[in-house]
Structure formats: C-alpha cells, structure tokens
C-alpha cells in the first residue's frame, strides 16, 4: 500500500517493518472498503470518514488501537490470546504470532458498530 510506504520506510528494524507491512496489507486485503491513511504519524483505516483502527510501532510490539469500546468488548479475548492491553490499545509482541481471527473480529465489530456514526471518534 503506497499510502503507508513512507511510514514503513521509517521503521528501522527489518523484522518489525515486515510484520507491520504484513498486518497493514492483511487489513487492506481483508477489508478492502476501508480507507488506509496516515494521521498523527500512525497508519490507520477509516470507514465513511470514521475511525476504525490504528497501529503504532514500538521497540517491543505493534500496538493496535481500536477505540475503548472495542477494547472493552474484546478484553477477555485479548487477555486469553496473551496480549497486554491498556485503556486505549493492545499489543502484538514482535515475538508472538498475530491472532488474525481476533483482529478480524475487532475490525468487523467496529465497522458494524460505527455504521451510523458520522464523527471520526465515538462520542
């Protein structure tokens, strides 16, 4: 995805860059109607102008930010998958595989839950 090329080029660790590219590519392929964009120096996906999910890179993990409502809804599953989470994001450690099914359910939930939302963030 060309929209993410500059962001990806800024990731120094080649393994972290490859994993991030894999995740962003997967989201784009699995949810082709979502709009990819970079805002606040984070790759993200939106739907009809509303936020669906964003990602950020750190030394130890790829952070996934789906908004608090989705985190609360999937908190048990996130914990069961062995991922740490906070009020606004959860973390895919570089050393663990991505739980694609969980990521898919979270994104699908946000798309459905925000179908009638006309603002960028939930109110």
PDB file of N, CA and C in Angstrom:
ATOM      1  N   UNK A   1       0.841  -1.191   0.000  1.00  0.00           N
ATOM      2  CA  UNK A   1       0.000   0.000   0.000  1.00  0.00           C
ATOM      3  C   UNK A   1       0.879   1.245   0.000  1.00  0.00           C
ATOM      4  N   UNK A   2       0.777   1.964  -1.067  1.00  0.00           N
ATOM      5  CA  UNK A   2       1.613   3.153  -1.224  1.00  0.00           C
ATOM      6  C   UNK A   2       1.396   4.179  -0.130  1.00  0.00           C
ATOM      7  N   UNK A   3       0.177   4.271   0.383  1.00  0.00           N
ATOM      8  CA  UNK A   3      -0.111   5.282   1.403  1.00  0.00           C
ATOM      9  C   UNK A   3       0.734   5.076   2.658  1.00  0.00           C
ATOM     10  N   UNK A   4       1.157   3.844   2.897  1.00  0.00           N
ATOM     11  CA  UNK A   4       1.952   3.530   4.087  1.00  0.00           C
ATOM     12  C   UNK A   4       3.454   3.444   3.814  1.00  0.00           C
ATOM     13  N   UNK A   5       3.882   3.625   2.584  1.00  0.00           N
ATOM     14  CA  UNK A   5       5.287   3.384   2.239  1.00  0.00           C
ATOM     15  C   UNK A   5       6.253   4.270   3.022  1.00  0.00           C
ATOM     16  N   UNK A   6       5.952   5.535   3.197  1.00  0.00           N
ATOM     17  CA  UNK A   6       6.850   6.417   3.949  1.00  0.00           C
ATOM     18  C   UNK A   6       6.902   6.006   5.418  1.00  0.00           C
ATOM     19  N   UNK A   7       5.750   5.669   5.993  1.00  0.00           N
ATOM     20  CA  UNK A   7       5.705   5.220   7.386  1.00  0.00           C
ATOM     21  C   UNK A   7       6.552   3.959   7.550  1.00  0.00           C
ATOM     22  N   UNK A   8       6.345   2.988   6.663  1.00  0.00           N
ATOM     23  CA  UNK A   8       7.078   1.725   6.755  1.00  0.00           C
ATOM     24  C   UNK A   8       8.575   1.934   6.581  1.00  0.00           C
ATOM     25  N   UNK A   9       8.956   2.825   5.689  1.00  0.00           N
ATOM     26  CA  UNK A   9      10.379   3.091   5.456  1.00  0.00           C
ATOM     27  C   UNK A   9      11.059   3.643   6.704  1.00  0.00           C
ATOM     28  N   UNK A  10      10.296   4.252   7.590  1.00  0.00           N
ATOM     29  CA  UNK A  10      10.851   4.817   8.817  1.00  0.00           C
ATOM     30  C   UNK A  10      11.054   3.811   9.932  1.00  0.00           C
ATOM     31  N   UNK A  11      10.635   2.568   9.743  1.00  0.00           N
ATOM     32  CA  UNK A  11      10.815   1.522  10.750  1.00  0.00           C
ATOM     33  C   UNK A  11      12.185   0.895  10.527  1.00  0.00           C
ATOM     34  N   UNK A  12      13.085   1.107  11.458  1.00  0.00           N
ATOM     35  CA  UNK A  12      14.478   0.671  11.277  1.00  0.00           C
ATOM     36  C   UNK A  12      14.652  -0.842  11.282  1.00  0.00           C
ATOM     37  N   UNK A  13      14.024  -1.530  12.207  1.00  0.00           N
ATOM     38  CA  UNK A  13      14.207  -2.977  12.320  1.00  0.00           C
ATOM     39  C   UNK A  13      13.474  -3.668  11.161  1.00  0.00           C
ATOM     40  N   UNK A  14      14.209  -4.412  10.323  1.00  0.00           N
ATOM     41  CA  UNK A  14      13.568  -5.039   9.161  1.00  0.00           C
ATOM     42  C   UNK A  14      12.471  -6.049   9.521  1.00  0.00           C
ATOM     43  N   UNK A  15      12.629  -6.744  10.639  1.00  0.00           N
ATOM     44  CA  UNK A  15      11.589  -7.699  11.049  1.00  0.00           C
ATOM     45  C   UNK A  15      10.337  -6.962  11.510  1.00  0.00           C
ATOM     46  N   UNK A  16      10.509  -5.867  12.220  1.00  0.00           N
ATOM     47  CA  UNK A  16       9.361  -5.073  12.663  1.00  0.00           C
ATOM     48  C   UNK A  16       8.659  -4.449  11.452  1.00  0.00           C
ATOM     49  N   UNK A  17       9.468  -3.975  10.500  1.00  0.00           N
ATOM     50  CA  UNK A  17       8.906  -3.386   9.283  1.00  0.00           C
ATOM     51  C   UNK A  17       8.091  -4.434   8.525  1.00  0.00           C
ATOM     52  N   UNK A  18       8.648  -5.641   8.387  1.00  0.00           N
ATOM     53  CA  UNK A  18       7.963  -6.706   7.655  1.00  0.00           C
ATOM     54  C   UNK A  18       6.659  -7.112   8.340  1.00  0.00           C
ATOM     55  N   UNK A  19       6.689  -7.221   9.662  1.00  0.00           N
ATOM     56  CA  UNK A  19       5.466  -7.590  10.393  1.00  0.00           C
ATOM     57  C   UNK A  19       4.411  -6.499  10.249  1.00  0.00           C
ATOM     58  N   UNK A  20       4.820  -5.247  10.382  1.00  0.00           N
ATOM     59  CA  UNK A  20       3.877  -4.138  10.260  1.00  0.00           C
ATOM     60  C   UNK A  20       3.282  -4.099   8.858  1.00  0.00           C
ATOM     61  N   UNK A  21       4.122  -4.289   7.854  1.00  0.00           N
ATOM     62  CA  UNK A  21       3.641  -4.317   6.471  1.00  0.00           C
ATOM     63  C   UNK A  21       2.671  -5.477   6.261  1.00  0.00           C
ATOM     64  N   UNK A  22       2.971  -6.615   6.863  1.00  0.00           N
ATOM     65  CA  UNK A  22       2.093  -7.782   6.762  1.00  0.00           C
ATOM     66  C   UNK A  22       0.722  -7.475   7.359  1.00  0.00           C
ATOM     67  N   UNK A  23       0.710  -6.884   8.548  1.00  0.00           N
ATOM     68  CA  UNK A  23      -0.563  -6.577   9.217  1.00  0.00           C
ATOM     69  C   UNK A  23      -1.356  -5.548   8.414  1.00  0.00           C
ATOM     70  N   UNK A  24      -0.704  -4.479   7.992  1.00  0.00           N
ATOM     71  CA  UNK A  24      -1.408  -3.443   7.231  1.00  0.00           C
ATOM     72  C   UNK A  24      -1.929  -3.994   5.906  1.00  0.00           C
ATOM     73  N   UNK A  25      -1.127  -4.815   5.246  1.00  0.00           N
ATOM     74  CA  UNK A  25      -1.559  -5.431   3.995  1.00  0.00           C
ATOM     75  C   UNK A  25      -2.739  -6.363   4.201  1.00  0.00           C
ATOM     76  N   UNK A  26      -2.691  -7.129   5.278  1.00  0.00           N
ATOM     77  CA  UNK A  26      -3.787  -8.052   5.582  1.00  0.00           C
ATOM     78  C   UNK A  26      -5.083  -7.282   5.815  1.00  0.00           C
ATOM     79  N   UNK A  27      -5.015  -6.213   6.600  1.00  0.00           N
ATOM     80  CA  UNK A  27      -6.227  -5.421   6.857  1.00  0.00           C
ATOM     81  C   UNK A  27      -6.776  -4.883   5.538  1.00  0.00           C
ATOM     82  N   UNK A  28      -5.888  -4.345   4.695  1.00  0.00           N
ATOM     83  CA  UNK A  28      -6.325  -3.804   3.420  1.00  0.00           C
ATOM     84  C   UNK A  28      -6.950  -4.843   2.503  1.00  0.00           C
ATOM     85  N   UNK A  29      -6.405  -6.060   2.513  1.00  0.00           N
ATOM     86  CA  UNK A  29      -6.956  -7.140   1.691  1.00  0.00           C
ATOM     87  C   UNK A  29      -8.256  -7.683   2.258  1.00  0.00           C
ATOM     88  N   UNK A  30      -8.289  -7.857   3.568  1.00  0.00           N
ATOM     89  CA  UNK A  30      -9.477  -8.448   4.205  1.00  0.00           C
ATOM     90  C   UNK A  30     -10.648  -7.473   4.257  1.00  0.00           C
ATOM     91  N   UNK A  31     -10.339  -6.174   4.356  1.00  0.00           N
ATOM     92  CA  UNK A  31     -11.368  -5.139   4.440  1.00  0.00           C
ATOM     93  C   UNK A  31     -11.110  -4.074   3.370  1.00  0.00           C
ATOM     94  N   UNK A  32     -11.312  -4.433   2.093  1.00  0.00           N
ATOM     95  CA  UNK A  32     -10.948  -3.518   1.006  1.00  0.00           C
ATOM     96  C   UNK A  32     -11.759  -2.219   0.964  1.00  0.00           C
ATOM     97  N   UNK A  33     -12.882  -2.167   1.639  1.00  0.00           N
ATOM     98  CA  UNK A  33     -13.688  -0.942   1.636  1.00  0.00           C
ATOM     99  C   UNK A  33     -13.170   0.095   2.629  1.00  0.00           C
ATOM    100  N   UNK A  34     -12.266  -0.298   3.510  1.00  0.00           N
ATOM    101  CA  UNK A  34     -11.700   0.661   4.457  1.00  0.00           C
ATOM    102  C   UNK A  34     -10.687   1.549   3.743  1.00  0.00           C
ATOM    103  N   UNK A  35     -10.615   2.798   4.179  1.00  0.00           N
ATOM    104  CA  UNK A  35      -9.671   3.741   3.596  1.00  0.00           C
ATOM    105  C   UNK A  35      -8.389   3.761   4.415  1.00  0.00           C
ATOM    106  N   UNK A  36      -7.254   3.402   3.807  1.00  0.00           N
ATOM    107  CA  UNK A  36      -5.979   3.493   4.525  1.00  0.00           C
ATOM    108  C   UNK A  36      -5.487   4.927   4.520  1.00  0.00           C
ATOM    109  N   UNK A  37      -4.909   5.345   5.642  1.00  0.00           N
ATOM    110  CA  UNK A  37      -4.349   6.693   5.727  1.00  0.00           C
ATOM    111  C   UNK A  37      -3.360   6.754   6.871  1.00  0.00           C
ATOM    112  N   UNK A  38      -2.546   7.784   6.878  1.00  0.00           N
ATOM    113  CA  UNK A  38      -1.633   8.033   7.986  1.00  0.00           C
ATOM    114  C   UNK A  38      -2.056   9.349   8.614  1.00  0.00           C
ATOM    115  N   UNK A  39      -2.294   9.322   9.910  1.00  0.00           N
ATOM    116  CA  UNK A  39      -2.644  10.528  10.668  1.00  0.00           C
ATOM    117  C   UNK A  39      -1.997  10.409  12.037  1.00  0.00           C
ATOM    118  N   UNK A  40      -1.541  11.526  12.566  1.00  0.00           N
ATOM    119  CA  UNK A  40      -0.831  11.529  13.844  1.00  0.00           C
ATOM    120  C   UNK A  40       0.353  10.555  13.802  1.00  0.00           C
ATOM    121  N   UNK A  41       0.970  10.446  12.645  1.00  0.00           N
ATOM    122  CA  UNK A  41       2.101   9.555  12.404  1.00  0.00           C
ATOM    123  C   UNK A  41       1.763   8.088  12.697  1.00  0.00           C
ATOM    124  N   UNK A  42       0.505   7.713  12.479  1.00  0.00           N
ATOM    125  CA  UNK A  42       0.078   6.337  12.685  1.00  0.00           C
ATOM    126  C   UNK A  42      -0.675   5.852  11.453  1.00  0.00           C
ATOM    127  N   UNK A  43      -0.364   4.647  10.989  1.00  0.00           N
ATOM    128  CA  UNK A  43      -1.189   4.077   9.929  1.00  0.00           C
ATOM    129  C   UNK A  43      -2.542   3.688  10.515  1.00  0.00           C
ATOM    130  N   UNK A  44      -3.586   4.008   9.787  1.00  0.00           N
ATOM    131  CA  UNK A  44      -4.930   3.709  10.275  1.00  0.00           C
ATOM    132  C   UNK A  44      -5.856   3.423   9.114  1.00  0.00           C
ATOM    133  N   UNK A  45      -7.014   2.919   9.471  1.00  0.00           N
ATOM    134  CA  UNK A  45      -8.065   2.643   8.499  1.00  0.00           C
ATOM    135  C   UNK A  45      -9.351   3.306   8.983  1.00  0.00           C
ATOM    136  N   UNK A  46     -10.064   3.918   8.032  1.00  0.00           N
ATOM    137  CA  UNK A  46     -11.325   4.567   8.344  1.00  0.00           C
ATOM    138  C   UNK A  46     -12.416   4.009   7.440  1.00  0.00           C
ATOM    139  N   UNK A  47     -13.653   4.259   7.818  1.00  0.00           N
ATOM    140  CA  UNK A  47     -14.810   3.841   7.044  1.00  0.00           C
ATOM    141  C   UNK A  47     -15.790   5.004   7.033  1.00  0.00           C
ATOM    142  N   UNK A  48     -16.195   5.453   5.891  1.00  0.00           N
ATOM    143  CA  UNK A  48     -17.066   6.612   5.705  1.00  0.00           C
ATOM    144  C   UNK A  48     -16.670   7.784   6.621  1.00  0.00           C
ATOM    145  N   UNK A  49     -15.358   8.002   6.726  1.00  0.00           N
ATOM    146  CA  UNK A  49     -14.837   9.131   7.497  1.00  0.00           C
ATOM    147  C   UNK A  49     -14.760   8.913   8.995  1.00  0.00           C
ATOM    148  N   UNK A  50     -15.060   7.707   9.458  1.00  0.00           N
ATOM    149  CA  UNK A  50     -14.983   7.424  10.889  1.00  0.00           C
ATOM    150  C   UNK A  50     -13.838   6.434  11.159  1.00  0.00           C
ATOM    151  N   UNK A  51     -13.181   6.635  12.283  1.00  0.00           N
ATOM    152  CA  UNK A  51     -12.037   5.826  12.687  1.00  0.00           C
ATOM    153  C   UNK A  51     -12.452   4.382  12.939  1.00  0.00           C
ATOM    154  N   UNK A  52     -11.668   3.442  12.416  1.00  0.00           N
ATOM    155  CA  UNK A  52     -11.911   2.023  12.678  1.00  0.00           C
ATOM    156  C   UNK A  52     -10.771   1.419  13.494  1.00  0.00           C
ATOM    157  N   UNK A  53      -9.519   1.604  13.052  1.00  0.00           N
ATOM    158  CA  UNK A  53      -8.390   1.012  13.768  1.00  0.00           C
ATOM    159  C   UNK A  53      -7.096   1.713  13.354  1.00  0.00           C
ATOM    160  N   UNK A  54      -6.153   1.781  14.289  1.00  0.00           N
ATOM    161  CA  UNK A  54      -4.837   2.360  14.009  1.00  0.00           C
ATOM    162  C   UNK A  54      -3.763   1.479  14.628  1.00  0.00           C
ATOM    163  N   UNK A  55      -2.544   1.687  14.158  1.00  0.00           N
ATOM    164  CA  UNK A  55      -1.410   0.898  14.612  1.00  0.00           C
ATOM    165  C   UNK A  55      -0.243   1.831  14.903  1.00  0.00           C
ATOM    166  N   UNK A  56       0.616   1.426  15.825  1.00  0.00           N
ATOM    167  CA  UNK A  56       1.850   2.167  16.071  1.00  0.00           C
ATOM    168  C   UNK A  56       2.939   1.166  16.450  1.00  0.00           C
ATOM    169  N   UNK A  57       4.159   1.561  16.176  1.00  0.00           N
ATOM    170  CA  UNK A  57       5.306   0.680  16.353  1.00  0.00           C
ATOM    171  C   UNK A  57       6.124   1.138  17.548  1.00  0.00           C
ATOM    172  N   UNK A  58       6.517   0.182  18.387  1.00  0.00           N
ATOM    173  CA  UNK A  58       7.444   0.484  19.467  1.00  0.00           C
ATOM    174  C   UNK A  58       8.518  -0.607  19.487  1.00  0.00           C
ATOM    175  N   UNK A  59       9.448  -0.471  20.381  1.00  0.00           N
ATOM    176  CA  UNK A  59      10.563  -1.413  20.446  1.00  0.00           C
ATOM    177  C   UNK A  59      10.098  -2.854  20.677  1.00  0.00           C
ATOM    178  N   UNK A  60       9.092  -3.033  21.534  1.00  0.00           N
ATOM    179  CA  UNK A  60       8.698  -4.379  21.920  1.00  0.00           C
ATOM    180  C   UNK A  60       7.457  -4.938  21.260  1.00  0.00           C
ATOM    181  N   UNK A  61       6.714  -4.095  20.514  1.00  0.00           N
ATOM    182  CA  UNK A  61       5.436  -4.584  19.999  1.00  0.00           C
ATOM    183  C   UNK A  61       4.866  -3.674  18.907  1.00  0.00           C
ATOM    184  N   UNK A  62       3.840  -4.208  18.258  1.00  0.00           N
ATOM    185  CA  UNK A  62       2.994  -3.425  17.367  1.00  0.00           C
ATOM    186  C   UNK A  62       1.723  -3.141  18.155  1.00  0.00           C
ATOM    187  N   UNK A  63       1.460  -1.882  18.412  1.00  0.00           N
ATOM    188  CA  UNK A  63       0.273  -1.509  19.174  1.00  0.00           C
ATOM    189  C   UNK A  63      -0.922  -1.410  18.231  1.00  0.00           C
ATOM    190  N   UNK A  64      -2.062  -1.876  18.721  1.00  0.00           N
ATOM    191  CA  UNK A  64      -3.307  -1.879  17.960  1.00  0.00           C
ATOM    192  C   UNK A  64      -4.314  -1.044  18.740  1.00  0.00           C
ATOM    193  N   UNK A  65      -4.845  -0.006  18.096  1.00  0.00           N
ATOM    194  CA  UNK A  65      -5.767   0.911  18.771  1.00  0.00           C
ATOM    195  C   UNK A  65      -7.125   0.896  18.067  1.00  0.00           C
ATOM    196  N   UNK A  66      -8.098   0.169  18.627  1.00  0.00           N
ATOM    197  CA  UNK A  66      -9.415   0.108  18.005  1.00  0.00           C
ATOM    198  C   UNK A  66     -10.480   0.985  18.678  1.00  0.00           C
ATOM    199  N   UNK A  67     -10.127   1.817  19.618  1.00  0.00           N
ATOM    200  CA  UNK A  67     -11.002   2.636  20.471  1.00  0.00           C
ATOM    201  C   UNK A  67     -11.450   1.813  21.681  1.00  0.00           C
ATOM    202  N   UNK A  68     -11.758   2.526  22.747  1.00  0.00           N
ATOM    203  CA  UNK A  68     -12.064   1.915  24.041  1.00  0.00           C
ATOM    204  C   UNK A  68     -13.268   0.964  23.988  1.00  0.00           C
ATOM    205  N   UNK A  69     -14.303   1.323  23.250  1.00  0.00           N
ATOM    206  CA  UNK A  69     -15.497   0.470  23.183  1.00  0.00           C
ATOM    207  C   UNK A  69     -15.130  -0.929  22.690  1.00  0.00           C
ATOM    208  N   UNK A  70     -14.324  -0.996  21.654  1.00  0.00           N
ATOM    209  CA  UNK A  70     -13.919  -2.298  21.122  1.00  0.00           C
ATOM    210  C   UNK A  70     -12.988  -3.029  22.089  1.00  0.00           C
ATOM    211  N   UNK A  71     -12.083  -2.288  22.729  1.00  0.00           N
ATOM    212  CA  UNK A  71     -11.206  -2.926  23.722  1.00  0.00           C
ATOM    213  C   UNK A  71     -12.018  -3.521  24.862  1.00  0.00           C
ATOM    214  N   UNK A  72     -12.994  -2.781  25.340  1.00  0.00           N
ATOM    215  CA  UNK A  72     -13.838  -3.297  26.418  1.00  0.00           C
ATOM    216  C   UNK A  72     -14.607  -4.533  25.957  1.00  0.00           C
ATOM    217  N   UNK A  73     -15.124  -4.497  24.747  1.00  0.00           N
ATOM    218  CA  UNK A  73     -15.914  -5.601  24.205  1.00  0.00           C
ATOM    219  C   UNK A  73     -15.074  -6.873  24.064  1.00  0.00           C
ATOM    220  N   UNK A  74     -13.791  -6.731  23.705  1.00  0.00           N
ATOM    221  CA  UNK A  74     -12.924  -7.881  23.437  1.00  0.00           C
ATOM    222  C   UNK A  74     -11.856  -8.102  24.501  1.00  0.00           C
ATOM    223  N   UNK A  75     -11.987  -7.466  25.654  1.00  0.00           N
ATOM    224  CA  UNK A  75     -10.953  -7.546  26.697  1.00  0.00           C
ATOM    225  C   UNK A  75     -10.623  -8.987  27.091  1.00  0.00           C
ATOM    226  N   UNK A  76     -11.634  -9.807  27.281  1.00  0.00           N
ATOM    227  CA  UNK A  76     -11.383 -11.195  27.677  1.00  0.00           C
ATOM    228  C   UNK A  76     -10.628 -11.958  26.591  1.00  0.00           C
ATOM    229  N   UNK A  77     -11.034 -11.772  25.348  1.00  0.00           N
ATOM    230  CA  UNK A  77     -10.371 -12.463  24.244  1.00  0.00           C
ATOM    231  C   UNK A  77      -8.934 -11.974  24.062  1.00  0.00           C
ATOM    232  N   UNK A  78      -8.720 -10.688  24.249  1.00  0.00           N
ATOM    233  CA  UNK A  78      -7.367 -10.134  24.151  1.00  0.00           C
ATOM    234  C   UNK A  78      -6.477 -10.757  25.227  1.00  0.00           C
ATOM    235  N   UNK A  79      -7.007 -10.843  26.442  1.00  0.00           N
ATOM    236  CA  UNK A  79      -6.256 -11.469  27.542  1.00  0.00           C
ATOM    237  C   UNK A  79      -6.002 -12.943  27.278  1.00  0.00           C
ATOM    238  N   UNK A  80      -7.044 -13.651  26.831  1.00  0.00           N
ATOM    239  CA  UNK A  80      -6.905 -15.082  26.545  1.00  0.00           C
ATOM    240  C   UNK A  80      -5.866 -15.348  25.462  1.00  0.00           C
ATOM    241  N   UNK A  81      -5.725 -14.416  24.524  1.00  0.00           N
ATOM    242  CA  UNK A  81      -4.735 -14.562  23.453  1.00  0.00           C
ATOM    243  C   UNK A  81      -3.322 -14.255  23.952  1.00  0.00           C
ATOM    244  N   UNK A  82      -3.227 -13.749  25.198  1.00  0.00           N
ATOM    245  CA  UNK A  82      -1.916 -13.472  25.778  1.00  0.00           C
ATOM    246  C   UNK A  82      -1.363 -12.100  25.454  1.00  0.00           C
ATOM    247  N   UNK A  83      -2.235 -11.187  25.028  1.00  0.00           N
ATOM    248  CA  UNK A  83      -1.794  -9.833  24.693  1.00  0.00           C
ATOM    249  C   UNK A  83      -2.063  -8.885  25.853  1.00  0.00           C
ATOM    250  N   UNK A  84      -1.112  -8.016  26.120  1.00  0.00           N
ATOM    251  CA  UNK A  84      -1.297  -6.975  27.125  1.00  0.00           C
ATOM    252  C   UNK A  84      -2.141  -5.861  26.506  1.00  0.00           C
ATOM    253  N   UNK A  85      -2.921  -5.191  27.345  1.00  0.00           N
ATOM    254  CA  UNK A  85      -3.712  -4.076  26.831  1.00  0.00           C
ATOM    255  C   UNK A  85      -3.869  -3.013  27.904  1.00  0.00           C
ATOM    256  N   UNK A  86      -4.206  -1.831  27.446  1.00  0.00           N
ATOM    257  CA  UNK A  86      -4.459  -0.696  28.333  1.00  0.00           C
ATOM    258  C   UNK A  86      -5.812  -0.114  27.940  1.00  0.00           C
ATOM    259  N   UNK A  87      -6.084   1.062  28.423  1.00  0.00           N
ATOM    260  CA  UNK A  87      -7.385   1.682  28.172  1.00  0.00           C
ATOM    261  C   UNK A  87      -7.634   1.961  26.689  1.00  0.00           C
ATOM    262  N   UNK A  88      -6.580   2.191  25.909  1.00  0.00           N
ATOM    263  CA  UNK A  88      -6.772   2.621  24.531  1.00  0.00           C
ATOM    264  C   UNK A  88      -6.149   1.704  23.459  1.00  0.00           C
ATOM    265  N   UNK A  89      -5.358   0.693  23.874  1.00  0.00           N
ATOM    266  CA  UNK A  89      -4.726  -0.148  22.859  1.00  0.00           C
ATOM    267  C   UNK A  89      -4.344  -1.505  23.433  1.00  0.00           C
ATOM    268  N   UNK A  90      -4.050  -2.422  22.531  1.00  0.00           N
ATOM    269  CA  UNK A  90      -3.451  -3.691  22.940  1.00  0.00           C
ATOM    270  C   UNK A  90      -2.217  -3.920  22.094  1.00  0.00           C
ATOM    271  N   UNK A  91      -1.399  -4.896  22.496  1.00  0.00           N
ATOM    272  CA  UNK A  91      -0.072  -5.032  21.912  1.00  0.00           C
ATOM    273  C   UNK A  91       0.163  -6.427  21.325  1.00  0.00           C
ATOM    274  N   UNK A  92       0.603  -6.438  20.069  1.00  0.00           N
ATOM    275  CA  UNK A  92       1.099  -7.661  19.449  1.00  0.00           C
ATOM    276  C   UNK A  92       2.615  -7.664  19.647  1.00  0.00           C
ATOM    277  N   UNK A  93       3.135  -8.469  20.569  1.00  0.00           N
ATOM    278  CA  UNK A  93       4.596  -8.524  20.737  1.00  0.00           C
ATOM    279  C   UNK A  93       5.244  -9.017  19.443  1.00  0.00           C
ATOM    280  N   UNK A  94       6.408  -8.493  19.142  1.00  0.00           N
ATOM    281  CA  UNK A  94       7.116  -8.914  17.936  1.00  0.00           C
ATOM    282  C   UNK A  94       7.430 -10.405  17.982  1.00  0.00           C
ATOM    283  N   UNK A  95       7.585 -10.947  19.178  1.00  0.00           N
ATOM    284  CA  UNK A  95       8.000 -12.340  19.332  1.00  0.00           C
ATOM    285  C   UNK A  95       6.844 -13.343  19.269  1.00  0.00           C
ATOM    286  N   UNK A  96       5.592 -12.856  19.186  1.00  0.00           N
ATOM    287  CA  UNK A  96       4.436 -13.758  19.146  1.00  0.00           C
ATOM    288  C   UNK A  96       3.714 -13.619  17.814  1.00  0.00           C
ATOM    289  N   UNK A  97       3.034 -14.679  17.395  1.00  0.00           N
ATOM    290  CA  UNK A  97       2.251 -14.569  16.157  1.00  0.00           C
ATOM    291  C   UNK A  97       1.034 -13.650  16.353  1.00  0.00           C
ATOM    292  N   UNK A  98       0.563 -13.122  15.263  1.00  0.00           N
ATOM    293  CA  UNK A  98      -0.640 -12.286  15.271  1.00  0.00           C
ATOM    294  C   UNK A  98      -1.855 -13.204  15.307  1.00  0.00           C
ATOM    295  N   UNK A  99      -2.806 -12.893  16.165  1.00  0.00           N
ATOM    296  CA  UNK A  99      -4.078 -13.614  16.194  1.00  0.00           C
ATOM    297  C   UNK A  99      -4.984 -12.946  15.158  1.00  0.00           C
ATOM    298  N   UNK A 100      -4.919 -13.453  13.930  1.00  0.00           N
ATOM    299  CA  UNK A 100      -5.656 -12.843  12.815  1.00  0.00           C
ATOM    300  C   UNK A 100      -7.163 -12.887  13.039  1.00  0.00           C
ATOM    301  N   UNK A 101      -7.650 -13.948  13.614  1.00  0.00           N
ATOM    302  CA  UNK A 101      -9.084 -14.081  13.861  1.00  0.00           C
ATOM    303  C   UNK A 101      -9.578 -13.014  14.838  1.00  0.00           C
ATOM    304  N   UNK A 102      -8.822 -12.794  15.887  1.00  0.00           N
ATOM    305  CA  UNK A 102      -9.183 -11.759  16.857  1.00  0.00           C
ATOM    306  C   UNK A 102      -9.155 -10.380  16.203  1.00  0.00           C
ATOM    307  N   UNK A 103      -8.118 -10.100  15.452  1.00  0.00           N
ATOM    308  CA  UNK A 103      -8.024  -8.810  14.773  1.00  0.00           C
ATOM    309  C   UNK A 103      -9.200  -8.625  13.820  1.00  0.00           C
ATOM    310  N   UNK A 104      -9.554  -9.664  13.105  1.00  0.00           N
ATOM    311  CA  UNK A 104     -10.684  -9.590  12.179  1.00  0.00           C
ATOM    312  C   UNK A 104     -11.996  -9.296  12.914  1.00  0.00           C
ATOM    313  N   UNK A 105     -12.221  -9.965  14.031  1.00  0.00           N
ATOM    314  CA  UNK A 105     -13.462  -9.744  14.790  1.00  0.00           C
ATOM    315  C   UNK A 105     -13.530  -8.316  15.343  1.00  0.00           C
ATOM    316  N   UNK A 106     -12.414  -7.799  15.797  1.00  0.00           N
ATOM    317  CA  UNK A 106     -12.394  -6.432  16.340  1.00  0.00           C
ATOM    318  C   UNK A 106     -12.705  -5.422  15.233  1.00  0.00           C
ATOM    319  N   UNK A 107     -12.065  -5.582  14.083  1.00  0.00           N
ATOM    320  CA  UNK A 107     -12.310  -4.651  12.983  1.00  0.00           C
ATOM    321  C   UNK A 107     -13.760  -4.758  12.508  1.00  0.00           C
ATOM    322  N   UNK A 108     -14.254  -5.986  12.338  1.00  0.00           N
ATOM    323  CA  UNK A 108     -15.644  -6.179  11.902  1.00  0.00           C
ATOM    324  C   UNK A 108     -16.620  -5.560  12.904  1.00  0.00           C
ATOM    325  N   UNK A 109     -16.338  -5.721  14.192  1.00  0.00           N
ATOM    326  CA  UNK A 109     -17.184  -5.108  15.221  1.00  0.00           C
ATOM    327  C   UNK A 109     -17.214  -3.596  15.050  1.00  0.00           C
ATOM    328  N   UNK A 110     -16.046  -2.976  14.891  1.00  0.00           N
ATOM    329  CA  UNK A 110     -16.003  -1.520  14.752  1.00  0.00           C
ATOM    330  C   UNK A 110     -16.754  -1.054  13.506  1.00  0.00           C
ATOM    331  N   UNK A 111     -16.605  -1.757  12.406  1.00  0.00           N
ATOM    332  CA  UNK A 111     -17.313  -1.381  11.179  1.00  0.00           C
ATOM    333  C   UNK A 111     -18.819  -1.416  11.413  1.00  0.00           C
ATOM    334  N   UNK A 112     -19.295  -2.499  11.996  1.00  0.00           N
ATOM    335  CA  UNK A 112     -20.734  -2.638  12.240  1.00  0.00           C
ATOM    336  C   UNK A 112     -21.211  -1.647  13.298  1.00  0.00           C
ATOM    337  N   UNK A 113     -20.479  -1.531  14.389  1.00  0.00           N
ATOM    338  CA  UNK A 113     -20.894  -0.671  15.496  1.00  0.00           C
ATOM    339  C   UNK A 113     -20.891   0.809  15.104  1.00  0.00           C
ATOM    340  N   UNK A 114     -20.041   1.172  14.148  1.00  0.00           N
ATOM    341  CA  UNK A 114     -19.922   2.579  13.755  1.00  0.00           C
ATOM    342  C   UNK A 114     -20.601   2.872  12.413  1.00  0.00           C
ATOM    343  N   UNK A 115     -21.436   1.952  11.948  1.00  0.00           N
ATOM    344  CA  UNK A 115     -22.093   2.117  10.649  1.00  0.00           C
ATOM    345  C   UNK A 115     -22.875   3.423  10.551  1.00  0.00           C
ATOM    346  N   UNK A 116     -23.493   3.838  11.640  1.00  0.00           N
ATOM    347  CA  UNK A 116     -24.303   5.058  11.635  1.00  0.00           C
ATOM    348  C   UNK A 116     -23.604   6.235  12.300  1.00  0.00           C
ATOM    349  N   UNK A 117     -22.332   6.084  12.625  1.00  0.00           N
ATOM    350  CA  UNK A 117     -21.579   7.161  13.267  1.00  0.00           C
ATOM    351  C   UNK A 117     -21.107   8.137  12.192  1.00  0.00           C
ATOM    352  N   UNK A 118     -21.297   9.421  12.441  1.00  0.00           N
ATOM    353  CA  UNK A 118     -20.901  10.426  11.445  1.00  0.00           C
ATOM    354  C   UNK A 118     -19.689  11.242  11.895  1.00  0.00           C
ATOM    355  N   UNK A 119     -19.160  10.943  13.086  1.00  0.00           N
ATOM    356  CA  UNK A 119     -17.979  11.640  13.579  1.00  0.00           C
ATOM    357  C   UNK A 119     -16.763  10.715  13.461  1.00  0.00           C
ATOM    358  N   UNK A 120     -15.573  11.285  13.546  1.00  0.00           N
ATOM    359  CA  UNK A 120     -14.366  10.472  13.428  1.00  0.00           C
ATOM    360  C   UNK A 120     -14.250   9.511  14.605  1.00  0.00           C
ATOM    361  N   UNK A 121     -14.384  10.034  15.820  1.00  0.00           N
ATOM    362  CA  UNK A 121     -14.330   9.221  17.044  1.00  0.00           C
ATOM    363  C   UNK A 121     -15.745   9.008  17.552  1.00  0.00           C
ATOM    364  N   UNK A 122     -15.923   7.934  18.324  1.00  0.00           N
ATOM    365  CA  UNK A 122     -17.204   7.750  19.002  1.00  0.00           C
ATOM    366  C   UNK A 122     -17.386   8.879  20.007  1.00  0.00           C
ATOM    367  N   UNK A 123     -18.618   9.234  20.253  1.00  0.00           N
ATOM    368  CA  UNK A 123     -18.891  10.285  21.258  1.00  0.00           C
ATOM    369  C   UNK A 123     -19.062   9.677  22.608  1.00  0.00           C
TER     370      UNK A 123
END
